[in-house]
Amino acid sequence: MSSRNAPNPNSPRPDSPDHSRSEHDQDHAPQGDAHAAPGHATSIAPHRGSVATTRGICITCAPRYEREMSDPAKPQHVFTYSIRIENTSRETVQLRTRHWVIVDAHGKREEVHGEGVVGTTPTLEPGRHFQYESWCPLASRWGTMEGHYGFVTSEGDPFDAEIARFYLVAED
């Protein structure tokens, strides 16, 4: 992995603003392959990542195993993931909260609740997206993540947008 915001595998907290980077794209076209379906990133392995849409909020998750930051002897496996949140609705929305459910191969379940993502609570107008990267350490070679983001519309209507389950898999 490049030197960009490398995660510290000794830190137990995923979605930490100190170990993530974000992009709030208000002026540029979405990234990805020109042949991709509109609104969906192409850099995910379909058998590991996920895409879910709730009320026009499309959330795409793309995980990666970080071999050089992992230490199987401890055991500790480090995974990074990229999240793209695209507003395909006609409403302006603001992401307020996050709730993650992380389960490793041993059945250990961890729930993470917090405000916003990577230290911000982005507001997304129709047609705009927000993208960030974060990471998650696991004691096993594989696990899953899923959850939801809490949003509120410009009219004050709260709702949860699903983050569909995606798979963290240590590749040999």
C-alpha atoms as a PDB file:
ATOM      1  CA  MET A   1       0.000   0.000   0.000  1.00  0.00           C
ATOM      2  CA  SER A   2       1.181   3.515  -0.659  1.00  0.00           C
ATOM      3  CA  SER A   3       2.049   5.882   2.137  1.00  0.00           C
ATOM      4  CA  ARG A   4      -1.363   7.571   1.985  1.00  0.00           C
ATOM      5  CA  ASN A   5      -2.927   7.505   5.428  1.00  0.00           C
ATOM      6  CA  ALA A   6      -1.672   4.037   6.318  1.00  0.00           C
ATOM      7  CA  PRO A   7      -3.695   2.568   9.181  1.00  0.00           C
ATOM      8  CA  ASN A   8      -2.093   1.744  12.487  1.00  0.00           C
ATOM      9  CA  PRO A   9      -2.969  -1.922  13.026  1.00  0.00           C
ATOM     10  CA  ASN A  10      -2.675  -1.481  16.813  1.00  0.00           C
ATOM     11  CA  SER A  11      -5.624   0.906  16.925  1.00  0.00           C
ATOM     12  CA  PRO A  12      -8.908  -0.932  17.541  1.00  0.00           C
ATOM     13  CA  ARG A  13     -11.342   1.617  16.133  1.00  0.00           C
ATOM     14  CA  PRO A  14     -12.620   1.392  12.550  1.00  0.00           C
ATOM     15  CA  ASP A  15     -13.896   4.546  10.831  1.00  0.00           C
ATOM     16  CA  SER A  16     -11.423   6.670  12.784  1.00  0.00           C
ATOM     17  CA  PRO A  17     -10.922  10.112  11.239  1.00  0.00           C
ATOM     18  CA  ASP A  18      -7.207   9.918  12.012  1.00  0.00           C
ATOM     19  CA  HIS A  19      -6.746   6.906   9.737  1.00  0.00           C
ATOM     20  CA  SER A  20      -9.098   7.682   6.881  1.00  0.00           C
ATOM     21  CA  ARG A  21      -9.323   9.932   3.899  1.00  0.00           C
ATOM     22  CA  SER A  22     -12.365  11.410   2.276  1.00  0.00           C
ATOM     23  CA  GLU A  23     -13.472  13.055  -0.900  1.00  0.00           C
ATOM     24  CA  HIS A  24     -16.541  15.247  -1.063  1.00  0.00           C
ATOM     25  CA  ASP A  25     -17.074  15.535  -4.786  1.00  0.00           C
ATOM     26  CA  GLN A  26     -19.317  18.446  -5.601  1.00  0.00           C
ATOM     27  CA  ASP A  27     -17.759  19.475  -8.927  1.00  0.00           C
ATOM     28  CA  HIS A  28     -16.424  16.368 -10.660  1.00  0.00           C
ATOM     29  CA  ALA A  29     -17.967  13.449 -12.486  1.00  0.00           C
ATOM     30  CA  PRO A  30     -18.100  10.146 -10.581  1.00  0.00           C
ATOM     31  CA  GLN A  31     -14.982   8.005 -10.815  1.00  0.00           C
ATOM     32  CA  GLY A  32     -15.061   4.589 -12.383  1.00  0.00           C
ATOM     33  CA  ASP A  33     -15.257   2.715 -15.651  1.00  0.00           C
ATOM     34  CA  ALA A  34     -17.190   4.397 -18.452  1.00  0.00           C
ATOM     35  CA  HIS A  35     -18.983   1.095 -19.045  1.00  0.00           C
ATOM     36  CA  ALA A  36     -20.272   0.817 -15.472  1.00  0.00           C
ATOM     37  CA  ALA A  37     -23.922   1.185 -14.570  1.00  0.00           C
ATOM     38  CA  PRO A  38     -24.680   4.812 -13.684  1.00  0.00           C
ATOM     39  CA  GLY A  39     -24.152   5.534 -10.010  1.00  0.00           C
ATOM     40  CA  HIS A  40     -22.054   2.465  -9.225  1.00  0.00           C
ATOM     41  CA  ALA A  41     -18.294   2.216  -8.690  1.00  0.00           C
ATOM     42  CA  THR A  42     -16.408  -0.423 -10.656  1.00  0.00           C
ATOM     43  CA  SER A  43     -13.435  -1.072  -8.403  1.00  0.00           C
ATOM     44  CA  ILE A  44     -15.166  -3.662  -6.218  1.00  0.00           C
ATOM     45  CA  ALA A  45     -15.000  -7.398  -6.489  1.00  0.00           C
ATOM     46  CA  PRO A  46     -18.699  -8.281  -6.742  1.00  0.00           C
ATOM     47  CA  HIS A  47     -18.278 -11.356  -4.526  1.00  0.00           C
ATOM     48  CA  ARG A  48     -16.777  -9.290  -1.684  1.00  0.00           C
ATOM     49  CA  GLY A  49     -18.188  -5.760  -1.885  1.00  0.00           C
ATOM     50  CA  SER A  50     -21.767  -4.590  -1.739  1.00  0.00           C
ATOM     51  CA  VAL A  51     -24.211  -2.047  -3.112  1.00  0.00           C
ATOM     52  CA  ALA A  52     -27.488  -1.027  -1.462  1.00  0.00           C
ATOM     53  CA  THR A  53     -29.934   1.781  -2.180  1.00  0.00           C
ATOM     54  CA  THR A  54     -32.376   3.196   0.369  1.00  0.00           C
ATOM     55  CA  ARG A  55     -34.605   6.156  -0.543  1.00  0.00           C
ATOM     56  CA  GLY A  56     -32.270   7.054  -3.394  1.00  0.00           C
ATOM     57  CA  ILE A  57     -29.091   6.881  -1.296  1.00  0.00           C
ATOM     58  CA  CYS A  58     -26.762   4.379  -3.004  1.00  0.00           C
ATOM     59  CA  ILE A  59     -23.986   3.027  -0.770  1.00  0.00           C
ATOM     60  CA  THR A  60     -21.170   1.091  -2.455  1.00  0.00           C
ATOM     61  CA  CYS A  61     -18.563  -0.736  -0.341  1.00  0.00           C
ATOM     62  CA  ALA A  62     -15.239  -2.025  -1.703  1.00  0.00           C
ATOM     63  CA  PRO A  63     -12.978  -3.912   0.777  1.00  0.00           C
ATOM     64  CA  ARG A  64      -9.286  -4.786   0.383  1.00  0.00           C
ATOM     65  CA  TYR A  65      -6.935  -6.964   2.400  1.00  0.00           C
ATOM     66  CA  GLU A  66      -3.763  -5.143   3.470  1.00  0.00           C
ATOM     67  CA  ARG A  67      -1.205  -7.973   3.629  1.00  0.00           C
ATOM     68  CA  GLU A  68       1.783  -5.747   4.429  1.00  0.00           C
ATOM     69  CA  MET A  69       0.003  -4.265   7.463  1.00  0.00           C
ATOM     70  CA  SER A  70      -1.267  -7.600   8.741  1.00  0.00           C
ATOM     71  CA  ASP A  71       0.490 -10.004  11.103  1.00  0.00           C
ATOM     72  CA  PRO A  72      -1.093 -13.479  10.909  1.00  0.00           C
ATOM     73  CA  ALA A  73       1.133 -14.676  13.784  1.00  0.00           C
ATOM     74  CA  LYS A  74      -0.595 -12.333  16.305  1.00  0.00           C
ATOM     75  CA  PRO A  75      -3.200 -12.990  14.644  1.00  0.00           C
ATOM     76  CA  GLN A  76      -4.163  -9.641  13.192  1.00  0.00           C
ATOM     77  CA  HIS A  77      -5.493  -9.025   9.705  1.00  0.00           C
ATOM     78  CA  VAL A  78      -5.981  -5.469   8.454  1.00  0.00           C
ATOM     79  CA  PHE A  79      -8.630  -4.599   5.901  1.00  0.00           C
ATOM     80  CA  THR A  80      -9.302  -1.250   4.269  1.00  0.00           C
ATOM     81  CA  TYR A  81     -12.559  -0.360   2.619  1.00  0.00           C
ATOM     82  CA  SER A  82     -13.754   2.401   0.357  1.00  0.00           C
ATOM     83  CA  ILE A  83     -17.282   3.731   0.778  1.00  0.00           C
ATOM     84  CA  ARG A  84     -19.095   5.752  -1.852  1.00  0.00           C
ATOM     85  CA  ILE A  85     -22.389   7.383  -0.867  1.00  0.00           C
ATOM     86  CA  GLU A  86     -24.338   8.776  -3.810  1.00  0.00           C
ATOM     87  CA  ASN A  87     -27.562  10.751  -3.605  1.00  0.00           C
ATOM     88  CA  THR A  88     -29.737   9.636  -6.531  1.00  0.00           C
ATOM     89  CA  SER A  89     -32.877  11.054  -4.913  1.00  0.00           C
ATOM     90  CA  ARG A  90     -34.504  14.452  -5.451  1.00  0.00           C
ATOM     91  CA  GLU A  91     -33.928  15.488  -1.826  1.00  0.00           C
ATOM     92  CA  THR A  92     -30.924  17.082  -0.134  1.00  0.00           C
ATOM     93  CA  VAL A  93     -29.794  14.864   2.746  1.00  0.00           C
ATOM     94  CA  GLN A  94     -27.219  15.030   5.523  1.00  0.00           C
ATOM     95  CA  LEU A  95     -25.421  11.992   6.949  1.00  0.00           C
ATOM     96  CA  ARG A  96     -25.605  12.286  10.730  1.00  0.00           C
ATOM     97  CA  THR A  97     -24.718   8.907  12.254  1.00  0.00           C
ATOM     98  CA  ARG A  98     -23.159   5.530  11.521  1.00  0.00           C
ATOM     99  CA  HIS A  99     -23.815   2.066  12.909  1.00  0.00           C
ATOM    100  CA  TRP A 100     -21.545  -0.823  11.954  1.00  0.00           C
ATOM    101  CA  VAL A 101     -21.875  -4.487  12.853  1.00  0.00           C
ATOM    102  CA  ILE A 102     -18.547  -6.284  12.437  1.00  0.00           C
ATOM    103  CA  VAL A 103     -18.355 -10.075  12.826  1.00  0.00           C
ATOM    104  CA  ASP A 104     -15.169 -12.135  12.542  1.00  0.00           C
ATOM    105  CA  ALA A 105     -14.824 -15.811  11.581  1.00  0.00           C
ATOM    106  CA  HIS A 106     -14.948 -16.818  15.279  1.00  0.00           C
ATOM    107  CA  GLY A 107     -18.356 -15.204  15.718  1.00  0.00           C
ATOM    108  CA  LYS A 108     -17.014 -12.247  17.706  1.00  0.00           C
ATOM    109  CA  ARG A 109     -19.423  -9.401  17.107  1.00  0.00           C
ATOM    110  CA  GLU A 110     -18.535  -5.725  17.539  1.00  0.00           C
ATOM    111  CA  GLU A 111     -20.894  -2.809  17.079  1.00  0.00           C
ATOM    112  CA  VAL A 112     -19.633   0.674  16.318  1.00  0.00           C
ATOM    113  CA  HIS A 113     -21.909   3.703  16.740  1.00  0.00           C
ATOM    114  CA  GLY A 114     -20.925   7.290  16.148  1.00  0.00           C
ATOM    115  CA  GLU A 115     -21.537  10.666  14.616  1.00  0.00           C
ATOM    116  CA  GLY A 116     -20.858  11.088  10.911  1.00  0.00           C
ATOM    117  CA  VAL A 117     -17.961   9.460   9.098  1.00  0.00           C
ATOM    118  CA  VAL A 118     -14.254  10.367   9.106  1.00  0.00           C
ATOM    119  CA  GLY A 119     -14.943  13.413  11.275  1.00  0.00           C
ATOM    120  CA  THR A 120     -17.640  14.955   9.096  1.00  0.00           C
ATOM    121  CA  THR A 121     -21.409  14.932   8.539  1.00  0.00           C
ATOM    122  CA  PRO A 122     -21.614  15.532   4.786  1.00  0.00           C
ATOM    123  CA  THR A 123     -24.627  17.143   3.123  1.00  0.00           C
ATOM    124  CA  LEU A 124     -25.437  15.683  -0.288  1.00  0.00           C
ATOM    125  CA  GLU A 125     -27.550  17.521  -2.800  1.00  0.00           C
ATOM    126  CA  PRO A 126     -29.282  15.443  -5.511  1.00  0.00           C
ATOM    127  CA  GLY A 127     -26.739  13.957  -7.932  1.00  0.00           C
ATOM    128  CA  ARG A 128     -23.760  14.462  -5.579  1.00  0.00           C
ATOM    129  CA  HIS A 129     -21.612  11.893  -3.799  1.00  0.00           C
ATOM    130  CA  PHE A 130     -19.214  11.547  -0.889  1.00  0.00           C
ATOM    131  CA  GLN A 131     -16.417   8.994  -0.794  1.00  0.00           C
ATOM    132  CA  TYR A 132     -14.057   7.961   1.985  1.00  0.00           C
ATOM    133  CA  GLU A 133     -11.713   5.197   3.033  1.00  0.00           C
ATOM    134  CA  SER A 134     -11.313   3.590   6.423  1.00  0.00           C
ATOM    135  CA  TRP A 135     -10.078   0.318   7.869  1.00  0.00           C
ATOM    136  CA  CYS A 136     -10.851  -2.555  10.193  1.00  0.00           C
ATOM    137  CA  PRO A 137      -8.553  -5.007  12.024  1.00  0.00           C
ATOM    138  CA  LEU A 138      -9.726  -8.593  12.604  1.00  0.00           C
ATOM    139  CA  ALA A 139      -8.219 -11.466  14.585  1.00  0.00           C
ATOM    140  CA  SER A 140      -9.428 -13.917  11.927  1.00  0.00           C
ATOM    141  CA  ARG A 141      -8.740 -14.314   8.197  1.00  0.00           C
ATOM    142  CA  TRP A 142     -12.243 -13.286   7.249  1.00  0.00           C
ATOM    143  CA  GLY A 143     -15.277 -11.478   8.562  1.00  0.00           C
ATOM    144  CA  THR A 144     -18.193  -9.297   7.554  1.00  0.00           C
ATOM    145  CA  MET A 145     -19.300  -5.700   7.976  1.00  0.00           C
ATOM    146  CA  GLU A 146     -22.769  -4.225   7.550  1.00  0.00           C
ATOM    147  CA  GLY A 147     -24.945  -1.582   9.120  1.00  0.00           C
ATOM    148  CA  HIS A 148     -26.571   1.722   8.288  1.00  0.00           C
ATOM    149  CA  TYR A 149     -26.021   5.454   8.092  1.00  0.00           C
ATOM    150  CA  GLY A 150     -28.537   7.763   9.740  1.00  0.00           C
ATOM    151  CA  PHE A 151     -29.611  10.592   7.439  1.00  0.00           C
ATOM    152  CA  VAL A 152     -31.947  13.541   7.735  1.00  0.00           C
ATOM    153  CA  THR A 153     -33.567  15.317   4.785  1.00  0.00           C
ATOM    154  CA  SER A 154     -33.573  19.102   4.390  1.00  0.00           C
ATOM    155  CA  GLU A 155     -37.213  18.902   5.555  1.00  0.00           C
ATOM    156  CA  GLY A 156     -36.092  17.278   8.837  1.00  0.00           C
ATOM    157  CA  ASP A 157     -37.254  13.727   8.008  1.00  0.00           C
ATOM    158  CA  PRO A 158     -34.822  11.156   9.531  1.00  0.00           C
ATOM    159  CA  PHE A 159     -34.188   7.770   7.910  1.00  0.00           C
ATOM    160  CA  ASP A 160     -31.605   4.973   7.923  1.00  0.00           C
ATOM    161  CA  ALA A 161     -29.818   3.959   4.710  1.00  0.00           C
ATOM    162  CA  GLU A 162     -28.666   0.341   4.602  1.00  0.00           C
ATOM    163  CA  ILE A 163     -25.007  -0.590   4.286  1.00  0.00           C
ATOM    164  CA  ALA A 164     -25.317  -4.073   2.798  1.00  0.00           C
ATOM    165  CA  ARG A 165     -23.082  -6.826   4.147  1.00  0.00           C
ATOM    166  CA  PHE A 166     -19.654  -7.012   2.585  1.00  0.00           C
ATOM    167  CA  TYR A 167     -16.865  -9.497   3.140  1.00  0.00           C
ATOM    168  CA  LEU A 168     -13.377  -8.984   4.529  1.00  0.00           C
ATOM    169  CA  VAL A 169     -11.248 -11.851   3.230  1.00  0.00           C
ATOM    170  CA  ALA A 170      -7.475 -12.315   3.718  1.00  0.00           C
ATOM    171  CA  GLU A 171      -6.062 -13.309   0.363  1.00  0.00           C
ATOM    172  CA  ASP A 172      -3.025 -15.558   0.169  1.00  0.00           C
END
